[in-house]
């Protein structure tokens, strides 16, 4: 049974603005990752590395589900390190003038043998930083 990581933050912005930040590669590179081959289409595969010149971890993902302004779901893998896959779901819910951003990273235990960079704690800290700081600050400063 999977024990997903769930991270939730409220952002002071309309749901359409948050959706655009999550799905427009020109906006994503300002707060998330530079994903030059990102296309918002089910079945499309995209690749990226963590910021900086090290290029230590190649991330690869495939878009699994799109519900505009509501949900983006994709796989999350590290093809150089493992054949295992996890799943990341970004869900948006309008709450008046705010948007609730809920990220669920499922099957994270598939990476438990890869070391501390791939631990539940590392991912939880990473997602909290990405959503609670990077995304929130990016959107709320627009």
N, C-alpha and C. Protein backbone atom coordinates (compact mmCIF):
# COMPACT_ATOMS: atom_id res chain seq x y z
N UNK A 1 0.84 -1.19 0.00
CA UNK A 1 0.00 0.00 0.00
C UNK A 1 0.88 1.25 0.00
N UNK A 2 0.55 2.17 -0.84
CA UNK A 2 1.34 3.39 -0.96
C UNK A 2 1.03 4.36 0.17
N UNK A 3 2.05 5.08 0.59
CA UNK A 3 1.90 6.11 1.61
C UNK A 3 2.37 7.42 0.97
N UNK A 4 1.48 8.12 0.28
CA UNK A 4 1.90 9.28 -0.51
C UNK A 4 2.35 10.47 0.33
N UNK A 5 3.18 11.28 -0.27
CA UNK A 5 3.51 12.58 0.29
C UNK A 5 2.43 13.53 -0.21
N UNK A 6 1.82 14.29 0.70
CA UNK A 6 0.79 15.25 0.33
C UNK A 6 1.21 16.61 0.87
N UNK A 7 1.29 17.59 -0.02
CA UNK A 7 1.68 18.94 0.34
C UNK A 7 0.58 19.88 -0.15
N UNK A 8 0.08 20.73 0.75
CA UNK A 8 -1.00 21.66 0.38
C UNK A 8 -0.64 23.08 0.81
N UNK A 9 -0.90 24.02 -0.07
CA UNK A 9 -0.71 25.43 0.23
C UNK A 9 -1.82 26.23 -0.44
N UNK A 10 -2.24 27.29 0.22
CA UNK A 10 -3.15 28.25 -0.40
C UNK A 10 -2.32 29.37 -1.01
N UNK A 11 -2.70 29.74 -2.22
CA UNK A 11 -1.99 30.79 -2.96
C UNK A 11 -2.99 31.90 -3.23
N UNK A 12 -2.56 33.13 -3.05
CA UNK A 12 -3.43 34.28 -3.28
C UNK A 12 -3.45 34.63 -4.76
N UNK A 13 -4.18 33.83 -5.51
CA UNK A 13 -4.29 34.04 -6.96
C UNK A 13 -5.45 33.21 -7.49
N UNK A 14 -5.95 33.63 -8.63
CA UNK A 14 -7.04 32.89 -9.29
C UNK A 14 -6.50 31.55 -9.81
N UNK A 15 -7.39 30.59 -9.88
CA UNK A 15 -7.02 29.25 -10.29
C UNK A 15 -6.39 29.24 -11.70
N UNK A 16 -6.89 30.09 -12.59
CA UNK A 16 -6.34 30.15 -13.96
C UNK A 16 -4.89 30.60 -13.96
N UNK A 17 -4.57 31.51 -13.07
CA UNK A 17 -3.19 32.01 -12.97
C UNK A 17 -2.26 30.91 -12.44
N UNK A 18 -2.73 30.15 -11.47
CA UNK A 18 -1.94 29.06 -10.92
C UNK A 18 -1.77 27.96 -11.98
N UNK A 19 -2.82 27.64 -12.70
CA UNK A 19 -2.75 26.62 -13.75
C UNK A 19 -1.72 27.01 -14.82
N UNK A 20 -1.73 28.26 -15.20
CA UNK A 20 -0.77 28.73 -16.21
C UNK A 20 0.66 28.59 -15.70
N UNK A 21 0.89 28.89 -14.43
CA UNK A 21 2.23 28.75 -13.85
C UNK A 21 2.68 27.28 -13.84
N UNK A 22 1.71 26.36 -13.69
CA UNK A 22 2.02 24.93 -13.65
C UNK A 22 2.20 24.31 -15.03
N UNK A 23 1.66 24.95 -16.07
CA UNK A 23 1.59 24.27 -17.37
C UNK A 23 2.23 25.04 -18.52
N UNK A 24 2.72 26.23 -18.27
CA UNK A 24 3.37 27.02 -19.32
C UNK A 24 4.87 26.95 -19.08
N UNK A 25 5.62 26.33 -20.00
CA UNK A 25 7.04 26.10 -19.76
C UNK A 25 7.83 27.39 -19.58
N UNK A 26 7.36 28.50 -20.16
CA UNK A 26 8.05 29.77 -19.96
C UNK A 26 7.87 30.29 -18.54
N UNK A 27 6.70 30.02 -17.96
CA UNK A 27 6.47 30.41 -16.56
C UNK A 27 7.14 29.41 -15.61
N UNK A 28 7.09 28.13 -15.95
CA UNK A 28 7.67 27.11 -15.07
C UNK A 28 9.14 27.37 -14.80
N UNK A 29 9.87 27.81 -15.81
CA UNK A 29 11.31 28.00 -15.60
C UNK A 29 11.61 29.18 -14.66
N UNK A 30 10.62 30.01 -14.39
CA UNK A 30 10.82 31.13 -13.47
C UNK A 30 10.67 30.74 -12.00
N UNK A 31 10.01 29.61 -11.73
CA UNK A 31 9.81 29.20 -10.34
C UNK A 31 10.07 27.71 -10.07
N UNK A 32 10.12 26.89 -11.12
CA UNK A 32 10.16 25.43 -10.94
C UNK A 32 11.42 24.88 -11.58
N UNK A 33 11.29 24.32 -12.76
CA UNK A 33 12.42 23.79 -13.50
C UNK A 33 12.34 24.31 -14.93
N UNK A 34 13.47 24.34 -15.60
CA UNK A 34 13.51 24.70 -17.02
C UNK A 34 13.27 23.41 -17.79
N UNK A 35 12.06 23.25 -18.33
CA UNK A 35 11.65 22.01 -19.00
C UNK A 35 11.36 22.35 -20.46
N UNK A 36 12.40 22.37 -21.27
CA UNK A 36 12.26 22.85 -22.64
C UNK A 36 11.38 21.96 -23.51
N UNK A 37 11.29 20.66 -23.19
CA UNK A 37 10.48 19.75 -24.03
C UNK A 37 9.09 19.50 -23.45
N UNK A 38 8.63 20.34 -22.51
CA UNK A 38 7.31 20.18 -21.91
C UNK A 38 6.22 20.55 -22.91
N UNK A 39 5.27 19.65 -23.12
CA UNK A 39 4.07 19.92 -23.92
C UNK A 39 2.88 19.41 -23.13
N UNK A 40 1.88 20.23 -22.97
CA UNK A 40 0.70 19.89 -22.19
C UNK A 40 -0.22 18.99 -23.02
N UNK A 41 0.13 17.72 -23.04
CA UNK A 41 -0.65 16.74 -23.80
C UNK A 41 -0.42 15.37 -23.18
N UNK A 42 -1.51 14.63 -22.95
CA UNK A 42 -1.41 13.29 -22.38
C UNK A 42 -0.52 12.42 -23.26
N UNK A 43 0.39 11.70 -22.63
CA UNK A 43 1.31 10.82 -23.34
C UNK A 43 2.65 11.46 -23.66
N UNK A 44 2.75 12.77 -23.55
CA UNK A 44 4.01 13.46 -23.84
C UNK A 44 5.00 13.22 -22.70
N UNK A 45 6.24 12.99 -23.07
CA UNK A 45 7.32 12.77 -22.11
C UNK A 45 8.17 14.03 -22.06
N UNK A 46 8.56 14.42 -20.84
CA UNK A 46 9.44 15.58 -20.70
C UNK A 46 10.59 15.24 -19.75
N UNK A 47 11.69 15.98 -19.91
CA UNK A 47 12.92 15.72 -19.19
C UNK A 47 13.46 17.01 -18.60
N UNK A 48 14.11 16.92 -17.45
CA UNK A 48 14.74 18.10 -16.86
C UNK A 48 15.75 17.68 -15.80
N UNK A 49 16.58 18.63 -15.43
CA UNK A 49 17.56 18.46 -14.37
C UNK A 49 17.29 19.50 -13.29
N UNK A 50 17.83 19.25 -12.10
CA UNK A 50 17.74 20.23 -11.04
C UNK A 50 18.49 21.50 -11.47
N UNK A 51 18.17 22.66 -10.89
CA UNK A 51 18.85 23.89 -11.28
C UNK A 51 20.35 23.81 -11.00
N UNK A 52 21.12 24.59 -11.75
CA UNK A 52 22.56 24.61 -11.58
C UNK A 52 23.26 23.85 -12.68
N UNK A 53 24.57 23.84 -12.63
CA UNK A 53 25.36 23.21 -13.69
C UNK A 53 25.71 21.76 -13.42
N UNK A 54 25.41 21.25 -12.23
CA UNK A 54 25.81 19.89 -11.90
C UNK A 54 25.13 18.83 -12.77
N UNK A 55 23.86 19.04 -13.07
CA UNK A 55 23.07 18.09 -13.87
C UNK A 55 23.23 16.67 -13.33
N UNK A 56 23.09 16.56 -12.00
CA UNK A 56 23.31 15.28 -11.33
C UNK A 56 22.14 14.32 -11.51
N UNK A 57 20.91 14.85 -11.45
CA UNK A 57 19.74 13.98 -11.49
C UNK A 57 18.86 14.28 -12.70
N UNK A 58 18.83 13.33 -13.63
CA UNK A 58 17.96 13.44 -14.81
C UNK A 58 16.57 12.97 -14.39
N UNK A 59 15.62 13.88 -14.46
CA UNK A 59 14.21 13.58 -14.16
C UNK A 59 13.51 13.33 -15.49
N UNK A 60 12.68 12.32 -15.53
CA UNK A 60 11.87 12.08 -16.72
C UNK A 60 10.44 11.83 -16.28
N UNK A 61 9.50 12.39 -17.03
CA UNK A 61 8.09 12.27 -16.66
C UNK A 61 7.24 12.11 -17.91
N UNK A 62 6.10 11.47 -17.72
CA UNK A 62 5.11 11.34 -18.79
C UNK A 62 3.78 11.86 -18.27
N UNK A 63 3.15 12.72 -19.06
CA UNK A 63 1.86 13.27 -18.65
C UNK A 63 0.79 12.18 -18.76
N UNK A 64 0.09 11.96 -17.65
CA UNK A 64 -0.90 10.89 -17.56
C UNK A 64 -2.34 11.39 -17.60
N UNK A 65 -2.57 12.61 -17.08
CA UNK A 65 -3.94 13.12 -17.02
C UNK A 65 -3.91 14.64 -16.98
N UNK A 66 -4.85 15.24 -17.70
CA UNK A 66 -5.00 16.69 -17.70
C UNK A 66 -6.48 17.02 -17.56
N UNK A 67 -6.82 17.79 -16.54
CA UNK A 67 -8.14 18.38 -16.41
C UNK A 67 -7.88 19.88 -16.27
N UNK A 68 -8.07 20.66 -17.32
CA UNK A 68 -7.68 22.08 -17.27
C UNK A 68 -8.20 22.80 -16.03
N UNK A 69 -7.31 23.57 -15.42
CA UNK A 69 -7.58 24.35 -14.22
C UNK A 69 -7.95 23.50 -13.00
N UNK A 70 -7.73 22.18 -13.09
CA UNK A 70 -8.06 21.32 -11.96
C UNK A 70 -6.95 20.33 -11.61
N UNK A 71 -6.41 19.62 -12.61
CA UNK A 71 -5.49 18.54 -12.29
C UNK A 71 -4.48 18.30 -13.41
N UNK A 72 -3.23 18.10 -13.00
CA UNK A 72 -2.16 17.67 -13.89
C UNK A 72 -1.48 16.50 -13.19
N UNK A 73 -1.46 15.36 -13.84
CA UNK A 73 -0.86 14.16 -13.26
C UNK A 73 0.21 13.63 -14.21
N UNK A 74 1.38 13.32 -13.64
CA UNK A 74 2.45 12.77 -14.48
C UNK A 74 3.29 11.79 -13.68
N UNK A 75 3.98 10.93 -14.41
CA UNK A 75 4.92 10.02 -13.76
C UNK A 75 6.16 10.83 -13.38
N UNK A 76 7.02 10.22 -12.57
CA UNK A 76 8.26 10.88 -12.12
C UNK A 76 9.30 9.76 -11.98
N UNK A 77 10.34 9.81 -12.80
CA UNK A 77 11.35 8.77 -12.78
C UNK A 77 12.76 9.37 -12.86
N UNK A 78 13.72 8.51 -12.54
CA UNK A 78 15.14 8.84 -12.68
C UNK A 78 15.77 7.72 -13.51
N UNK A 79 15.70 7.80 -14.84
CA UNK A 79 16.08 6.66 -15.68
C UNK A 79 17.52 6.18 -15.51
N UNK A 80 18.43 7.06 -15.08
CA UNK A 80 19.81 6.61 -14.89
C UNK A 80 20.02 5.83 -13.60
N UNK A 81 19.06 5.96 -12.66
CA UNK A 81 19.23 5.34 -11.35
C UNK A 81 18.31 4.16 -11.10
N UNK A 82 17.15 4.15 -11.76
CA UNK A 82 16.15 3.15 -11.40
C UNK A 82 15.13 2.98 -12.52
N UNK A 83 14.55 1.79 -12.59
CA UNK A 83 13.43 1.55 -13.51
C UNK A 83 12.09 1.84 -12.85
N UNK A 84 12.13 2.16 -11.55
CA UNK A 84 10.91 2.42 -10.79
C UNK A 84 10.29 3.76 -11.17
N UNK A 85 8.97 3.83 -11.03
CA UNK A 85 8.24 5.07 -11.32
C UNK A 85 7.43 5.47 -10.10
N UNK A 86 7.23 6.78 -9.98
CA UNK A 86 6.30 7.32 -9.00
C UNK A 86 5.33 8.20 -9.77
N UNK A 87 4.32 8.70 -9.09
CA UNK A 87 3.32 9.53 -9.74
C UNK A 87 3.14 10.83 -8.95
N UNK A 88 3.10 11.94 -9.68
CA UNK A 88 2.89 13.25 -9.08
C UNK A 88 1.58 13.82 -9.63
N UNK A 89 0.70 14.23 -8.72
CA UNK A 89 -0.56 14.87 -9.11
C UNK A 89 -0.60 16.27 -8.52
N UNK A 90 -0.86 17.24 -9.38
CA UNK A 90 -1.08 18.62 -8.97
C UNK A 90 -2.58 18.86 -9.08
N UNK A 91 -3.24 19.16 -7.97
CA UNK A 91 -4.67 19.42 -8.00
C UNK A 91 -4.93 20.84 -7.50
N UNK A 92 -5.82 21.53 -8.20
CA UNK A 92 -6.16 22.91 -7.85
C UNK A 92 -7.63 23.00 -7.48
N UNK A 93 -7.90 23.80 -6.46
CA UNK A 93 -9.28 24.01 -6.03
C UNK A 93 -9.44 25.49 -5.70
N UNK A 94 -10.43 26.11 -6.32
CA UNK A 94 -10.70 27.52 -6.09
C UNK A 94 -11.35 27.71 -4.73
N UNK A 95 -10.82 28.67 -3.97
CA UNK A 95 -11.39 29.01 -2.67
C UNK A 95 -11.53 30.52 -2.61
N UNK A 96 -12.55 31.02 -3.26
CA UNK A 96 -12.75 32.47 -3.34
C UNK A 96 -11.67 33.10 -4.18
N UNK A 97 -10.91 34.03 -3.58
CA UNK A 97 -9.84 34.69 -4.32
C UNK A 97 -8.52 33.95 -4.18
N UNK A 98 -8.56 32.80 -3.52
CA UNK A 98 -7.37 31.98 -3.36
C UNK A 98 -7.52 30.67 -4.12
N UNK A 99 -6.39 30.00 -4.31
CA UNK A 99 -6.39 28.67 -4.90
C UNK A 99 -5.65 27.73 -3.98
N UNK A 100 -6.27 26.60 -3.67
CA UNK A 100 -5.61 25.56 -2.90
C UNK A 100 -4.82 24.69 -3.88
N UNK A 101 -3.53 24.59 -3.67
CA UNK A 101 -2.66 23.73 -4.48
C UNK A 101 -2.35 22.50 -3.64
N UNK A 102 -2.74 21.34 -4.17
CA UNK A 102 -2.48 20.08 -3.46
C UNK A 102 -1.61 19.21 -4.36
N UNK A 103 -0.43 18.87 -3.86
CA UNK A 103 0.46 17.98 -4.59
C UNK A 103 0.49 16.64 -3.87
N UNK A 104 0.29 15.57 -4.62
CA UNK A 104 0.38 14.22 -4.09
C UNK A 104 1.46 13.48 -4.86
N UNK A 105 2.49 13.04 -4.15
CA UNK A 105 3.57 12.25 -4.78
C UNK A 105 3.40 10.83 -4.26
N UNK A 106 2.93 9.95 -5.15
CA UNK A 106 2.57 8.59 -4.79
C UNK A 106 3.69 7.60 -5.13
N UNK A 107 3.71 6.49 -4.43
CA UNK A 107 4.67 5.40 -4.64
C UNK A 107 6.11 5.83 -4.39
N UNK A 108 6.31 6.81 -3.52
CA UNK A 108 7.64 7.34 -3.24
C UNK A 108 8.57 6.26 -2.68
N UNK A 109 8.00 5.26 -2.02
CA UNK A 109 8.84 4.20 -1.47
C UNK A 109 9.53 3.38 -2.56
N UNK A 110 9.11 3.54 -3.80
CA UNK A 110 9.80 2.88 -4.91
C UNK A 110 11.25 3.34 -5.03
N UNK A 111 11.56 4.52 -4.48
CA UNK A 111 12.91 5.08 -4.58
C UNK A 111 13.73 4.86 -3.30
N UNK A 112 13.19 4.14 -2.32
CA UNK A 112 13.85 4.07 -1.00
C UNK A 112 15.24 3.46 -1.04
N UNK A 113 15.55 2.65 -2.04
CA UNK A 113 16.87 2.02 -2.12
C UNK A 113 17.90 2.89 -2.83
N UNK A 114 17.51 4.09 -3.25
CA UNK A 114 18.42 4.94 -4.03
C UNK A 114 19.25 5.90 -3.17
N UNK A 115 19.02 5.93 -1.88
CA UNK A 115 19.82 6.79 -1.01
C UNK A 115 19.05 7.98 -0.49
N UNK A 116 19.71 8.78 0.34
CA UNK A 116 19.02 9.87 1.05
C UNK A 116 18.50 10.97 0.15
N UNK A 117 19.11 11.19 -1.03
CA UNK A 117 18.60 12.21 -1.95
C UNK A 117 17.20 11.85 -2.47
N UNK A 118 16.82 10.59 -2.32
CA UNK A 118 15.54 10.11 -2.83
C UNK A 118 14.60 9.66 -1.70
N UNK A 119 14.91 10.09 -0.49
CA UNK A 119 14.12 9.68 0.66
C UNK A 119 12.81 10.45 0.75
N UNK A 120 11.88 9.91 1.51
CA UNK A 120 10.60 10.56 1.76
C UNK A 120 10.83 11.96 2.35
N UNK A 121 11.79 12.06 3.28
CA UNK A 121 12.08 13.34 3.91
C UNK A 121 12.61 14.35 2.90
N UNK A 122 13.50 13.90 2.02
CA UNK A 122 14.06 14.81 1.01
C UNK A 122 12.98 15.30 0.05
N UNK A 123 12.12 14.40 -0.38
CA UNK A 123 11.03 14.81 -1.28
C UNK A 123 10.04 15.73 -0.59
N UNK A 124 9.70 15.43 0.66
CA UNK A 124 8.76 16.27 1.40
C UNK A 124 9.32 17.68 1.55
N UNK A 125 10.58 17.77 1.93
CA UNK A 125 11.23 19.08 2.07
C UNK A 125 11.27 19.80 0.71
N UNK A 126 11.60 19.06 -0.33
CA UNK A 126 11.67 19.65 -1.67
C UNK A 126 10.33 20.20 -2.15
N UNK A 127 9.27 19.40 -2.00
CA UNK A 127 7.95 19.85 -2.45
C UNK A 127 7.45 21.03 -1.63
N UNK A 128 7.72 21.03 -0.32
CA UNK A 128 7.32 22.17 0.50
C UNK A 128 8.04 23.44 0.04
N UNK A 129 9.29 23.33 -0.31
CA UNK A 129 10.02 24.48 -0.82
C UNK A 129 9.52 24.94 -2.18
N UNK A 130 9.27 23.98 -3.06
CA UNK A 130 8.83 24.30 -4.42
C UNK A 130 7.46 24.98 -4.39
N UNK A 131 6.52 24.44 -3.62
CA UNK A 131 5.17 25.00 -3.61
C UNK A 131 5.05 26.14 -2.61
N UNK A 132 5.49 25.90 -1.37
CA UNK A 132 5.28 26.86 -0.31
C UNK A 132 6.13 28.12 -0.43
N UNK A 133 7.24 28.02 -1.14
CA UNK A 133 8.10 29.18 -1.32
C UNK A 133 8.12 29.61 -2.79
N UNK A 134 8.69 28.77 -3.66
CA UNK A 134 8.90 29.19 -5.05
C UNK A 134 7.61 29.54 -5.78
N UNK A 135 6.65 28.61 -5.84
CA UNK A 135 5.40 28.85 -6.57
C UNK A 135 4.62 29.98 -5.91
N UNK A 136 4.46 29.92 -4.61
CA UNK A 136 3.67 30.91 -3.88
C UNK A 136 4.25 32.31 -4.08
N UNK A 137 5.55 32.46 -3.92
CA UNK A 137 6.18 33.78 -4.10
C UNK A 137 6.09 34.25 -5.54
N UNK A 138 6.32 33.33 -6.48
CA UNK A 138 6.25 33.69 -7.89
C UNK A 138 4.87 34.23 -8.25
N UNK A 139 3.84 33.50 -7.90
CA UNK A 139 2.48 33.89 -8.27
C UNK A 139 2.03 35.16 -7.53
N UNK A 140 2.32 35.20 -6.24
CA UNK A 140 1.83 36.32 -5.43
C UNK A 140 2.59 37.61 -5.70
N UNK A 141 3.72 37.54 -6.38
CA UNK A 141 4.47 38.76 -6.69
C UNK A 141 4.13 39.31 -8.07
N UNK A 142 3.24 38.61 -8.79
CA UNK A 142 2.86 39.04 -10.15
C UNK A 142 1.84 40.16 -10.11
